[in-house]
Amino acid sequence: MSTLRLFALALLLSGCAAPYDYAEGTDFQRFSSVALAPDGDVDSLDGARIGAAARAMLPARGLRLSTPDQASLWLHYRLRQETRLLTTMPRMLSRHGSLWDDEERVYGAVRQQRLELWLTEPHNGKVLWRSKYPKAFPAENINGAERSRRIEQQVAELLSNYPPRP
């Protein structure tokens, strides 16, 4: 994928950035290089897609790609398993028997994954920046080029928060 296309995607998504957090008091201008953390998953298809998307987009965020032993930051990523509860909406004006039906009810649960990225200092492991995508990672029935496109979109949105705005 061309760098120009990835940069345009990052600009497009910068208006709808994912939630993030960072270590206050950190001077992010002092960090000039980044590498994927050596313990990252680069062997799986999704791990390779996440890593490739991040490597393509990090230079636009002001970080030069480097080797892990030379980098001032390490980028980590993981797919966090979560359970989303499926609930009903309360019906304030309907009557059920002798009681008002005004409670939200859980009728099911869905297991999903959410992509999380974070940056650490290599020498001490201190987390300096973290962002988690607010929506689910692409489901297993989405594959190939469409899966890659969705992963690139999520990585771009997460990285649009770096460097953090004080």
C-alpha atoms as a PDB file:
ATOM      1  CA  MET A   1       0.000   0.000   0.000  1.00  0.00           C
ATOM      2  CA  SER A   2       1.413   3.391  -0.873  1.00  0.00           C
ATOM      3  CA  THR A   3       2.555   5.772   1.844  1.00  0.00           C
ATOM      4  CA  LEU A   4       0.439   8.555   0.354  1.00  0.00           C
ATOM      5  CA  ARG A   5      -2.706   6.431   0.638  1.00  0.00           C
ATOM      6  CA  LEU A   6      -1.918   5.581   4.275  1.00  0.00           C
ATOM      7  CA  PHE A   7      -1.209   9.231   5.091  1.00  0.00           C
ATOM      8  CA  ALA A   8      -4.526  10.287   3.506  1.00  0.00           C
ATOM      9  CA  LEU A   9      -6.319   7.631   5.529  1.00  0.00           C
ATOM     10  CA  ALA A  10      -4.674   8.892   8.723  1.00  0.00           C
ATOM     11  CA  LEU A  11      -5.681  12.478   7.947  1.00  0.00           C
ATOM     12  CA  LEU A  12      -9.217  11.419   7.166  1.00  0.00           C
ATOM     13  CA  LEU A  13      -9.547   9.595  10.472  1.00  0.00           C
ATOM     14  CA  SER A  14      -7.861  12.245  12.616  1.00  0.00           C
ATOM     15  CA  GLY A  15     -11.200  13.940  13.271  1.00  0.00           C
ATOM     16  CA  CYS A  16     -12.641  10.812  14.921  1.00  0.00           C
ATOM     17  CA  ALA A  17      -9.745   9.681  17.075  1.00  0.00           C
ATOM     18  CA  ALA A  18      -9.960   6.790  19.517  1.00  0.00           C
ATOM     19  CA  PRO A  19      -9.634   7.370  23.266  1.00  0.00           C
ATOM     20  CA  TYR A  20      -6.080   7.503  24.562  1.00  0.00           C
ATOM     21  CA  ASP A  21      -4.034   8.220  27.667  1.00  0.00           C
ATOM     22  CA  TYR A  22      -0.441   9.276  28.249  1.00  0.00           C
ATOM     23  CA  ALA A  23       2.066   9.852  31.039  1.00  0.00           C
ATOM     24  CA  GLU A  24       1.734  13.510  31.901  1.00  0.00           C
ATOM     25  CA  GLY A  25       4.978  15.424  32.141  1.00  0.00           C
ATOM     26  CA  THR A  26       6.548  13.394  29.322  1.00  0.00           C
ATOM     27  CA  ASP A  27       8.331  15.401  26.647  1.00  0.00           C
ATOM     28  CA  PHE A  28       7.322  13.439  23.555  1.00  0.00           C
ATOM     29  CA  GLN A  29       9.504  15.645  21.347  1.00  0.00           C
ATOM     30  CA  ARG A  30      12.596  13.896  22.738  1.00  0.00           C
ATOM     31  CA  PHE A  31      11.573  10.593  21.120  1.00  0.00           C
ATOM     32  CA  SER A  32      12.701  10.307  17.528  1.00  0.00           C
ATOM     33  CA  SER A  33      12.736   6.596  16.729  1.00  0.00           C
ATOM     34  CA  VAL A  34      10.472   3.604  17.207  1.00  0.00           C
ATOM     35  CA  ALA A  35      10.554  -0.143  16.712  1.00  0.00           C
ATOM     36  CA  LEU A  36       8.009  -2.875  17.149  1.00  0.00           C
ATOM     37  CA  ALA A  37       8.531  -4.452  20.562  1.00  0.00           C
ATOM     38  CA  PRO A  38      10.683  -7.576  20.233  1.00  0.00           C
ATOM     39  CA  ASP A  39       8.053  -9.699  21.993  1.00  0.00           C
ATOM     40  CA  GLY A  40       5.316  -8.716  19.514  1.00  0.00           C
ATOM     41  CA  ASP A  41       3.319 -11.232  17.495  1.00  0.00           C
ATOM     42  CA  VAL A  42       4.649 -10.958  13.957  1.00  0.00           C
ATOM     43  CA  ASP A  43       4.022 -14.559  12.924  1.00  0.00           C
ATOM     44  CA  SER A  44       0.212 -14.573  12.782  1.00  0.00           C
ATOM     45  CA  LEU A  45      -1.635 -13.023   9.847  1.00  0.00           C
ATOM     46  CA  ASP A  46      -3.262 -10.344  12.023  1.00  0.00           C
ATOM     47  CA  GLY A  47      -0.010  -9.625  13.862  1.00  0.00           C
ATOM     48  CA  ALA A  48       1.785  -9.146  10.554  1.00  0.00           C
ATOM     49  CA  ARG A  49      -1.019  -6.846   9.303  1.00  0.00           C
ATOM     50  CA  ILE A  50      -0.982  -4.736  12.470  1.00  0.00           C
ATOM     51  CA  GLY A  51       2.815  -4.479  12.404  1.00  0.00           C
ATOM     52  CA  ALA A  52       2.927  -3.547   8.713  1.00  0.00           C
ATOM     53  CA  ALA A  53       0.237  -0.878   9.138  1.00  0.00           C
ATOM     54  CA  ALA A  54       2.002   0.616  12.163  1.00  0.00           C
ATOM     55  CA  ARG A  55       5.399   0.664  10.423  1.00  0.00           C
ATOM     56  CA  ALA A  56       3.846   2.424   7.420  1.00  0.00           C
ATOM     57  CA  MET A  57       2.137   5.099   9.558  1.00  0.00           C
ATOM     58  CA  LEU A  58       4.653   5.832  12.330  1.00  0.00           C
ATOM     59  CA  PRO A  59       6.959   8.035  10.203  1.00  0.00           C
ATOM     60  CA  ALA A  60       4.002  10.396   9.580  1.00  0.00           C
ATOM     61  CA  ARG A  61       3.703  10.682  13.391  1.00  0.00           C
ATOM     62  CA  GLY A  62       7.277  11.991  13.638  1.00  0.00           C
ATOM     63  CA  LEU A  63       8.998   8.723  14.526  1.00  0.00           C
ATOM     64  CA  ARG A  64      11.756   7.191  12.427  1.00  0.00           C
ATOM     65  CA  LEU A  65      11.692   3.391  12.156  1.00  0.00           C
ATOM     66  CA  SER A  66      14.601   1.696  13.857  1.00  0.00           C
ATOM     67  CA  THR A  67      15.775  -1.632  15.227  1.00  0.00           C
ATOM     68  CA  PRO A  68      14.671  -2.525  18.777  1.00  0.00           C
ATOM     69  CA  ASP A  69      18.183  -2.060  20.215  1.00  0.00           C
ATOM     70  CA  GLN A  70      18.461   1.467  18.729  1.00  0.00           C
ATOM     71  CA  ALA A  71      14.871   2.754  19.187  1.00  0.00           C
ATOM     72  CA  SER A  72      13.869   5.377  21.749  1.00  0.00           C
ATOM     73  CA  LEU A  73      10.339   3.864  21.904  1.00  0.00           C
ATOM     74  CA  TRP A  74       8.872   0.403  21.480  1.00  0.00           C
ATOM     75  CA  LEU A  75       5.400  -0.060  20.017  1.00  0.00           C
ATOM     76  CA  HIS A  76       3.363  -2.895  21.502  1.00  0.00           C
ATOM     77  CA  TYR A  77       0.020  -4.197  20.323  1.00  0.00           C
ATOM     78  CA  ARG A  78      -2.473  -6.821  21.385  1.00  0.00           C
ATOM     79  CA  LEU A  79      -5.981  -7.989  20.766  1.00  0.00           C
ATOM     80  CA  ARG A  80      -7.805  -7.782  24.082  1.00  0.00           C
ATOM     81  CA  GLN A  81     -10.604 -10.314  24.592  1.00  0.00           C
ATOM     82  CA  GLU A  82     -13.780  -8.704  25.918  1.00  0.00           C
ATOM     83  CA  THR A  83     -17.396  -9.662  26.466  1.00  0.00           C
ATOM     84  CA  ARG A  84     -20.078  -7.251  25.289  1.00  0.00           C
ATOM     85  CA  LEU A  85     -23.475  -7.627  26.918  1.00  0.00           C
ATOM     86  CA  LEU A  86     -26.536  -7.481  24.710  1.00  0.00           C
ATOM     87  CA  THR A  87     -29.348  -5.657  26.485  1.00  0.00           C
ATOM     88  CA  THR A  88     -32.910  -4.554  25.913  1.00  0.00           C
ATOM     89  CA  MET A  89     -33.965  -0.941  26.102  1.00  0.00           C
ATOM     90  CA  PRO A  90     -36.196  -0.033  29.045  1.00  0.00           C
ATOM     91  CA  ARG A  91     -39.817   0.540  28.062  1.00  0.00           C
ATOM     92  CA  MET A  92     -40.943   3.292  30.374  1.00  0.00           C
ATOM     93  CA  LEU A  93     -44.548   3.454  29.206  1.00  0.00           C
ATOM     94  CA  SER A  94     -45.493  -0.196  28.831  1.00  0.00           C
ATOM     95  CA  ARG A  95     -47.030  -2.280  31.527  1.00  0.00           C
ATOM     96  CA  HIS A  96     -46.079  -5.892  32.136  1.00  0.00           C
ATOM     97  CA  GLY A  97     -48.512  -7.580  34.498  1.00  0.00           C
ATOM     98  CA  SER A  98     -48.823  -5.395  37.546  1.00  0.00           C
ATOM     99  CA  LEU A  99     -45.341  -3.865  37.177  1.00  0.00           C
ATOM    100  CA  TRP A 100     -43.979  -1.215  34.892  1.00  0.00           C
ATOM    101  CA  ASP A 101     -41.366  -2.661  32.513  1.00  0.00           C
ATOM    102  CA  ASP A 102     -38.686  -0.055  33.104  1.00  0.00           C
ATOM    103  CA  GLU A 103     -35.567  -2.166  33.542  1.00  0.00           C
ATOM    104  CA  GLU A 104     -32.810  -2.872  31.080  1.00  0.00           C
ATOM    105  CA  ARG A 105     -32.393  -6.618  30.682  1.00  0.00           C
ATOM    106  CA  VAL A 106     -29.402  -8.642  29.518  1.00  0.00           C
ATOM    107  CA  TYR A 107     -30.382 -11.225  26.907  1.00  0.00           C
ATOM    108  CA  GLY A 108     -26.997 -12.372  25.696  1.00  0.00           C
ATOM    109  CA  ALA A 109     -23.279 -11.811  25.431  1.00  0.00           C
ATOM    110  CA  VAL A 110     -20.840 -11.612  22.541  1.00  0.00           C
ATOM    111  CA  ARG A 111     -17.112 -12.280  22.815  1.00  0.00           C
ATOM    112  CA  GLN A 112     -15.064  -9.838  20.777  1.00  0.00           C
ATOM    113  CA  GLN A 113     -11.556  -8.490  20.454  1.00  0.00           C
ATOM    114  CA  ARG A 114     -10.404  -4.885  20.564  1.00  0.00           C
ATOM    115  CA  LEU A 115      -7.069  -3.604  19.277  1.00  0.00           C
ATOM    116  CA  GLU A 116      -4.820  -1.828  21.746  1.00  0.00           C
ATOM    117  CA  LEU A 117      -1.518  -0.052  21.009  1.00  0.00           C
ATOM    118  CA  TRP A 118       0.936   1.332  23.543  1.00  0.00           C
ATOM    119  CA  LEU A 119       4.414   2.839  23.576  1.00  0.00           C
ATOM    120  CA  THR A 120       7.078   2.113  26.189  1.00  0.00           C
ATOM    121  CA  GLU A 121      10.615   3.176  26.918  1.00  0.00           C
ATOM    122  CA  PRO A 122      12.825   0.195  26.009  1.00  0.00           C
ATOM    123  CA  HIS A 123      15.252   0.483  28.924  1.00  0.00           C
ATOM    124  CA  ASN A 124      12.648   0.486  31.724  1.00  0.00           C
ATOM    125  CA  GLY A 125       9.338  -0.681  30.190  1.00  0.00           C
ATOM    126  CA  LYS A 126       7.483   2.423  31.397  1.00  0.00           C
ATOM    127  CA  VAL A 127       4.243   2.936  29.447  1.00  0.00           C
ATOM    128  CA  LEU A 128       4.164   6.486  28.026  1.00  0.00           C
ATOM    129  CA  TRP A 129       1.135   6.363  25.705  1.00  0.00           C
ATOM    130  CA  ARG A 130      -1.796   3.966  25.195  1.00  0.00           C
ATOM    131  CA  SER A 131      -4.854   3.871  22.931  1.00  0.00           C
ATOM    132  CA  LYS A 132      -7.587   1.249  22.545  1.00  0.00           C
ATOM    133  CA  TYR A 133      -9.910   1.105  19.564  1.00  0.00           C
ATOM    134  CA  PRO A 134     -13.506   1.677  20.723  1.00  0.00           C
ATOM    135  CA  LYS A 135     -15.079  -0.846  18.343  1.00  0.00           C
ATOM    136  CA  ALA A 136     -14.538  -4.555  17.793  1.00  0.00           C
ATOM    137  CA  PHE A 137     -11.631  -5.919  15.786  1.00  0.00           C
ATOM    138  CA  PRO A 138     -12.725  -7.426  12.436  1.00  0.00           C
ATOM    139  CA  ALA A 139     -14.652 -10.658  12.950  1.00  0.00           C
ATOM    140  CA  GLU A 140     -13.323 -13.995  11.733  1.00  0.00           C
ATOM    141  CA  ASN A 141     -15.675 -13.992   8.728  1.00  0.00           C
ATOM    142  CA  ILE A 142     -13.896 -10.900   7.323  1.00  0.00           C
ATOM    143  CA  ASN A 143     -10.688 -11.901   5.592  1.00  0.00           C
ATOM    144  CA  GLY A 144      -8.123 -11.078   2.945  1.00  0.00           C
ATOM    145  CA  ALA A 145      -7.949  -7.557   1.550  1.00  0.00           C
ATOM    146  CA  GLU A 146     -11.039  -6.367   3.441  1.00  0.00           C
ATOM    147  CA  ARG A 147      -9.562  -7.541   6.759  1.00  0.00           C
ATOM    148  CA  SER A 148      -6.283  -5.767   5.960  1.00  0.00           C
ATOM    149  CA  ARG A 149      -8.149  -2.573   5.084  1.00  0.00           C
ATOM    150  CA  ARG A 150     -10.088  -2.604   8.365  1.00  0.00           C
ATOM    151  CA  ILE A 151      -6.947  -3.262  10.392  1.00  0.00           C
ATOM    152  CA  GLU A 152      -5.163  -0.366   8.635  1.00  0.00           C
ATOM    153  CA  GLN A 153      -8.131   1.868   9.457  1.00  0.00           C
ATOM    154  CA  GLN A 154      -8.026   0.940  13.149  1.00  0.00           C
ATOM    155  CA  VAL A 155      -4.247   1.395  13.410  1.00  0.00           C
ATOM    156  CA  ALA A 156      -4.496   4.791  11.662  1.00  0.00           C
ATOM    157  CA  GLU A 157      -7.184   5.966  14.067  1.00  0.00           C
ATOM    158  CA  LEU A 158      -5.206   4.821  17.100  1.00  0.00           C
ATOM    159  CA  LEU A 159      -1.974   6.443  15.918  1.00  0.00           C
ATOM    160  CA  SER A 160      -3.751   9.710  15.132  1.00  0.00           C
ATOM    161  CA  ASN A 161      -3.529  10.347  18.901  1.00  0.00           C
ATOM    162  CA  TYR A 162       0.273  10.369  18.868  1.00  0.00           C
ATOM    163  CA  PRO A 163       1.962  12.576  19.852  1.00  0.00           C
ATOM    164  CA  PRO A 164      -0.655  13.448  22.461  1.00  0.00           C
ATOM    165  CA  ARG A 165      -2.073  16.935  22.595  1.00  0.00           C
ATOM    166  CA  PRO A 166      -1.461  18.403  26.070  1.00  0.00           C
END
